C-alpha cells in the first residue's frame, strides 16, 4: 500500500510504508547517530508522527535541505532499512541500479 503526504487538498505519493520508514531510519542512523529526532526534530519528530504544522514549514524545509545535502555524502549501499533492527536489509539487497549514486 502506498503512503504519502497530504498538503491542503493535495496528496503526494511517496511509496510503501517500508520505503518511507527506511528514509527516516537512514537519517536517524547516518545523520543523527541513532538518536531519533535529535538533529532534525521537525522532520523526525513532527512529520514522521503525522503532522508538521504550518508555522513549522520553513524549519522543516530547512531540515530537509540539510538532510538532502548530508545524505549525498553516503553511497546508496549505506541505506538503513530499519533503525530498530539493523540486521534487516532492503528487498533489493546489493542489487542497486548504477543510476543511483547516493
N, C-alpha and C. Protein backbone atom coordinates (compact mmCIF):
# COMPACT_ATOMS: atom_id res chain seq x y z
N UNK A 1 0.84 -1.17 0.00
CA UNK A 1 0.00 0.00 0.00
C UNK A 1 0.89 1.24 0.00
N UNK A 2 0.52 2.21 -0.81
CA UNK A 2 1.29 3.45 -0.92
C UNK A 2 0.97 4.39 0.23
N UNK A 3 1.99 5.14 0.61
CA UNK A 3 1.82 6.20 1.60
C UNK A 3 2.27 7.50 0.96
N UNK A 4 1.90 8.59 1.58
CA UNK A 4 2.29 9.88 1.04
C UNK A 4 2.05 10.99 2.03
N UNK A 5 2.18 12.19 1.53
CA UNK A 5 1.98 13.38 2.35
C UNK A 5 0.81 14.18 1.81
N UNK A 6 -0.06 14.61 2.70
CA UNK A 6 -1.19 15.43 2.32
C UNK A 6 -0.87 16.88 2.68
N UNK A 7 -1.03 17.74 1.69
CA UNK A 7 -0.80 19.18 1.89
C UNK A 7 -2.05 19.88 1.38
N UNK A 8 -2.81 20.41 2.31
CA UNK A 8 -4.08 21.01 1.92
C UNK A 8 -4.96 19.95 1.29
N UNK A 9 -5.35 20.20 0.04
CA UNK A 9 -6.19 19.24 -0.68
C UNK A 9 -5.37 18.30 -1.57
N UNK A 10 -4.05 18.46 -1.56
CA UNK A 10 -3.19 17.67 -2.43
C UNK A 10 -2.54 16.52 -1.66
N UNK A 11 -2.33 15.41 -2.37
CA UNK A 11 -1.68 14.25 -1.78
C UNK A 11 -0.52 13.87 -2.67
N UNK A 12 0.66 13.71 -2.07
CA UNK A 12 1.88 13.38 -2.79
C UNK A 12 2.33 11.99 -2.39
N UNK A 13 2.26 11.06 -3.33
CA UNK A 13 2.63 9.67 -3.05
C UNK A 13 4.14 9.54 -2.90
N UNK A 14 4.58 8.81 -1.88
CA UNK A 14 6.00 8.58 -1.61
C UNK A 14 6.40 7.18 -2.04
N UNK A 15 5.62 6.22 -1.70
CA UNK A 15 5.94 4.81 -1.96
C UNK A 15 5.32 3.97 -0.87
N UNK A 16 5.96 2.85 -0.55
CA UNK A 16 5.43 1.99 0.51
C UNK A 16 5.83 2.53 1.88
N UNK A 17 5.15 2.07 2.89
CA UNK A 17 5.48 2.49 4.25
C UNK A 17 6.88 2.02 4.64
N UNK A 18 7.30 0.85 4.17
CA UNK A 18 8.65 0.36 4.45
C UNK A 18 9.71 1.30 3.85
N UNK A 19 9.45 1.74 2.64
CA UNK A 19 10.39 2.64 1.96
C UNK A 19 10.50 3.97 2.71
N UNK A 20 9.37 4.52 3.13
CA UNK A 20 9.39 5.78 3.86
C UNK A 20 10.07 5.61 5.21
N UNK A 21 9.79 4.52 5.91
CA UNK A 21 10.44 4.27 7.19
C UNK A 21 11.95 4.10 7.00
N UNK A 22 12.36 3.51 5.90
CA UNK A 22 13.78 3.36 5.59
C UNK A 22 14.45 4.73 5.42
N UNK A 23 13.78 5.65 4.77
CA UNK A 23 14.30 7.01 4.61
C UNK A 23 14.56 7.65 5.97
N UNK A 24 13.58 7.57 6.85
CA UNK A 24 13.73 8.16 8.18
C UNK A 24 14.75 7.38 9.02
N UNK A 25 14.79 6.07 8.86
CA UNK A 25 15.77 5.25 9.58
C UNK A 25 17.19 5.61 9.16
N UNK A 26 17.38 5.85 7.88
CA UNK A 26 18.71 6.23 7.38
C UNK A 26 19.13 7.57 7.96
N UNK A 27 18.21 8.51 8.04
CA UNK A 27 18.50 9.80 8.66
C UNK A 27 18.91 9.59 10.12
N UNK A 28 18.14 8.81 10.84
CA UNK A 28 18.40 8.56 12.26
C UNK A 28 19.80 7.99 12.48
N UNK A 29 20.12 6.93 11.77
CA UNK A 29 21.38 6.23 11.99
C UNK A 29 22.56 7.00 11.40
N UNK A 30 22.45 7.44 10.18
CA UNK A 30 23.58 8.08 9.50
C UNK A 30 23.81 9.53 9.89
N UNK A 31 22.74 10.27 10.17
CA UNK A 31 22.90 11.71 10.42
C UNK A 31 22.64 12.13 11.86
N UNK A 32 21.92 11.30 12.62
CA UNK A 32 21.61 11.65 14.00
C UNK A 32 22.27 10.70 15.00
N UNK A 33 23.16 9.87 14.52
CA UNK A 33 23.92 8.94 15.37
C UNK A 33 23.01 8.09 16.26
N UNK A 34 21.88 7.65 15.67
CA UNK A 34 20.97 6.76 16.37
C UNK A 34 20.03 7.42 17.35
N UNK A 35 20.00 8.72 17.41
CA UNK A 35 19.12 9.45 18.34
C UNK A 35 17.99 10.10 17.54
N UNK A 36 16.91 9.37 17.37
CA UNK A 36 15.78 9.79 16.54
C UNK A 36 15.28 11.18 16.94
N UNK A 37 15.36 12.14 16.00
CA UNK A 37 14.83 13.48 16.21
C UNK A 37 15.77 14.44 16.91
N UNK A 38 16.95 14.00 17.25
CA UNK A 38 17.87 14.87 17.99
C UNK A 38 18.39 16.03 17.13
N UNK A 39 18.69 15.75 15.87
CA UNK A 39 19.24 16.78 14.97
C UNK A 39 18.15 17.42 14.12
N UNK A 40 17.18 16.64 13.72
CA UNK A 40 16.11 17.10 12.83
C UNK A 40 14.75 16.88 13.49
N UNK A 41 14.41 17.68 14.49
CA UNK A 41 13.17 17.45 15.25
C UNK A 41 11.88 17.65 14.45
N UNK A 42 11.88 18.55 13.51
CA UNK A 42 10.65 18.78 12.74
C UNK A 42 10.37 17.62 11.80
N UNK A 43 11.39 17.16 11.09
CA UNK A 43 11.20 16.02 10.18
C UNK A 43 10.99 14.73 10.94
N UNK A 44 11.88 14.45 11.87
CA UNK A 44 11.91 13.15 12.52
C UNK A 44 10.87 13.02 13.63
N UNK A 45 10.50 14.11 14.21
CA UNK A 45 9.51 14.07 15.28
C UNK A 45 8.12 14.36 14.74
N UNK A 46 7.93 15.58 14.31
CA UNK A 46 6.59 16.00 13.92
C UNK A 46 6.10 15.38 12.61
N UNK A 47 6.88 15.52 11.53
CA UNK A 47 6.43 14.99 10.25
C UNK A 47 6.30 13.47 10.30
N UNK A 48 7.28 12.79 10.87
CA UNK A 48 7.21 11.33 10.94
C UNK A 48 6.01 10.87 11.75
N UNK A 49 5.65 11.63 12.77
CA UNK A 49 4.50 11.26 13.60
C UNK A 49 3.17 11.62 12.95
N UNK A 50 3.22 12.31 11.82
CA UNK A 50 1.99 12.51 11.06
C UNK A 50 1.58 13.93 10.76
N UNK A 51 2.23 14.92 11.38
CA UNK A 51 1.77 16.28 11.12
C UNK A 51 2.88 17.30 11.37
N UNK A 52 3.15 18.10 10.37
CA UNK A 52 4.05 19.23 10.51
C UNK A 52 3.19 20.49 10.38
N UNK A 53 3.12 21.25 11.43
CA UNK A 53 2.23 22.42 11.47
C UNK A 53 2.70 23.51 10.51
N UNK A 54 1.74 24.30 10.04
CA UNK A 54 2.04 25.38 9.10
C UNK A 54 3.15 26.29 9.59
N UNK A 55 3.14 26.63 10.86
CA UNK A 55 4.14 27.55 11.39
C UNK A 55 5.55 26.93 11.44
N UNK A 56 5.63 25.61 11.25
CA UNK A 56 6.92 24.91 11.29
C UNK A 56 7.42 24.51 9.90
N UNK A 57 6.70 24.91 8.85
CA UNK A 57 7.07 24.50 7.49
C UNK A 57 8.46 24.98 7.08
N UNK A 58 8.78 26.23 7.35
CA UNK A 58 10.10 26.74 6.94
C UNK A 58 11.22 26.00 7.63
N UNK A 59 11.06 25.74 8.91
CA UNK A 59 12.08 24.99 9.64
C UNK A 59 12.17 23.56 9.12
N UNK A 60 11.04 22.95 8.84
CA UNK A 60 11.02 21.61 8.29
C UNK A 60 11.69 21.54 6.92
N UNK A 61 11.42 22.53 6.07
CA UNK A 61 12.07 22.57 4.76
C UNK A 61 13.58 22.77 4.88
N UNK A 62 14.00 23.58 5.82
CA UNK A 62 15.43 23.78 6.03
C UNK A 62 16.08 22.48 6.50
N UNK A 63 15.42 21.76 7.40
CA UNK A 63 15.93 20.46 7.83
C UNK A 63 16.04 19.51 6.64
N UNK A 64 15.03 19.50 5.78
CA UNK A 64 15.04 18.62 4.62
C UNK A 64 16.19 18.97 3.67
N UNK A 65 16.45 20.26 3.47
CA UNK A 65 17.59 20.68 2.64
C UNK A 65 18.90 20.17 3.21
N UNK A 66 19.05 20.27 4.53
CA UNK A 66 20.27 19.79 5.18
C UNK A 66 20.41 18.28 5.04
N UNK A 67 19.31 17.56 5.24
CA UNK A 67 19.32 16.11 5.10
C UNK A 67 19.74 15.72 3.69
N UNK A 68 19.15 16.35 2.72
CA UNK A 68 19.48 16.04 1.33
C UNK A 68 20.96 16.26 1.05
N UNK A 69 21.49 17.37 1.53
CA UNK A 69 22.92 17.67 1.35
C UNK A 69 23.80 16.65 2.05
N UNK A 70 23.46 16.30 3.28
CA UNK A 70 24.26 15.37 4.08
C UNK A 70 24.21 13.95 3.52
N UNK A 71 23.04 13.52 3.06
CA UNK A 71 22.92 12.15 2.54
C UNK A 71 23.72 11.95 1.26
N UNK A 72 24.05 13.02 0.54
CA UNK A 72 24.87 12.91 -0.65
C UNK A 72 26.27 12.41 -0.33
N UNK A 73 26.66 12.50 0.93
CA UNK A 73 27.99 12.02 1.35
C UNK A 73 28.04 10.52 1.55
N UNK A 74 26.91 9.84 1.43
CA UNK A 74 26.84 8.40 1.66
C UNK A 74 26.51 7.67 0.37
N UNK A 75 27.15 6.54 0.13
CA UNK A 75 26.75 5.75 -1.04
C UNK A 75 25.38 5.11 -0.80
N UNK A 76 24.72 4.76 -1.87
CA UNK A 76 23.39 4.17 -1.76
C UNK A 76 23.41 2.85 -0.98
N UNK A 77 24.54 2.22 -0.92
CA UNK A 77 24.65 0.97 -0.17
C UNK A 77 24.57 1.19 1.34
N UNK A 78 24.65 2.43 1.80
CA UNK A 78 24.57 2.75 3.23
C UNK A 78 23.15 2.97 3.73
N UNK A 79 22.16 2.64 2.91
CA UNK A 79 20.77 2.80 3.34
C UNK A 79 20.49 1.91 4.55
N UNK A 80 19.70 2.44 5.45
CA UNK A 80 19.26 1.68 6.63
C UNK A 80 17.80 1.30 6.39
N UNK A 81 17.50 0.02 6.47
CA UNK A 81 16.12 -0.41 6.23
C UNK A 81 15.26 -0.19 7.45
N UNK A 82 15.81 -0.42 8.65
CA UNK A 82 15.03 -0.26 9.87
C UNK A 82 15.96 0.09 11.02
N UNK A 83 15.82 1.29 11.56
CA UNK A 83 16.68 1.76 12.65
C UNK A 83 16.53 0.91 13.91
N UNK A 84 15.40 0.26 14.06
CA UNK A 84 15.16 -0.55 15.26
C UNK A 84 15.69 -1.97 15.12
N UNK A 85 15.97 -2.39 13.88
CA UNK A 85 16.53 -3.72 13.63
C UNK A 85 17.54 -3.60 12.49
N UNK A 86 18.78 -3.31 12.85
CA UNK A 86 19.81 -3.06 11.85
C UNK A 86 20.20 -4.31 11.06
N UNK A 87 19.72 -5.46 11.46
CA UNK A 87 20.01 -6.69 10.71
C UNK A 87 19.15 -6.79 9.45
N UNK A 88 18.06 -6.03 9.39
CA UNK A 88 17.19 -6.07 8.22
C UNK A 88 17.84 -5.34 7.05
N UNK A 89 17.62 -5.86 5.85
CA UNK A 89 18.17 -5.24 4.65
C UNK A 89 17.06 -4.96 3.66
N UNK A 90 17.29 -4.02 2.75
CA UNK A 90 16.28 -3.72 1.74
C UNK A 90 16.01 -4.95 0.87
N UNK A 91 14.82 -5.05 0.32
CA UNK A 91 14.48 -6.21 -0.50
C UNK A 91 15.35 -6.34 -1.75
N UNK A 92 15.95 -5.26 -2.21
CA UNK A 92 16.80 -5.31 -3.39
C UNK A 92 18.22 -5.74 -3.06
N UNK A 93 18.53 -5.89 -1.76
CA UNK A 93 19.86 -6.34 -1.34
C UNK A 93 20.96 -5.42 -1.85
N UNK A 94 21.95 -5.99 -2.50
CA UNK A 94 23.05 -5.21 -3.06
C UNK A 94 22.85 -4.90 -4.53
N UNK A 95 21.71 -5.27 -5.07
CA UNK A 95 21.41 -5.06 -6.49
C UNK A 95 20.86 -3.65 -6.68
N UNK A 96 21.75 -2.65 -6.65
CA UNK A 96 21.36 -1.25 -6.75
C UNK A 96 21.71 -0.74 -8.13
N UNK A 97 20.77 -0.08 -8.77
CA UNK A 97 20.99 0.48 -10.11
C UNK A 97 22.19 1.42 -10.10
N UNK A 98 22.97 1.38 -11.15
CA UNK A 98 24.13 2.29 -11.26
C UNK A 98 23.69 3.74 -11.40
N UNK A 99 22.41 3.98 -11.71
CA UNK A 99 21.88 5.34 -11.79
C UNK A 99 21.75 5.98 -10.42
N UNK A 100 21.70 5.15 -9.38
CA UNK A 100 21.54 5.64 -8.01
C UNK A 100 22.92 5.71 -7.37
N UNK A 101 23.37 6.91 -7.07
CA UNK A 101 24.74 7.07 -6.57
C UNK A 101 24.80 7.49 -5.11
N UNK A 102 23.72 8.05 -4.59
CA UNK A 102 23.72 8.47 -3.19
C UNK A 102 22.31 8.46 -2.64
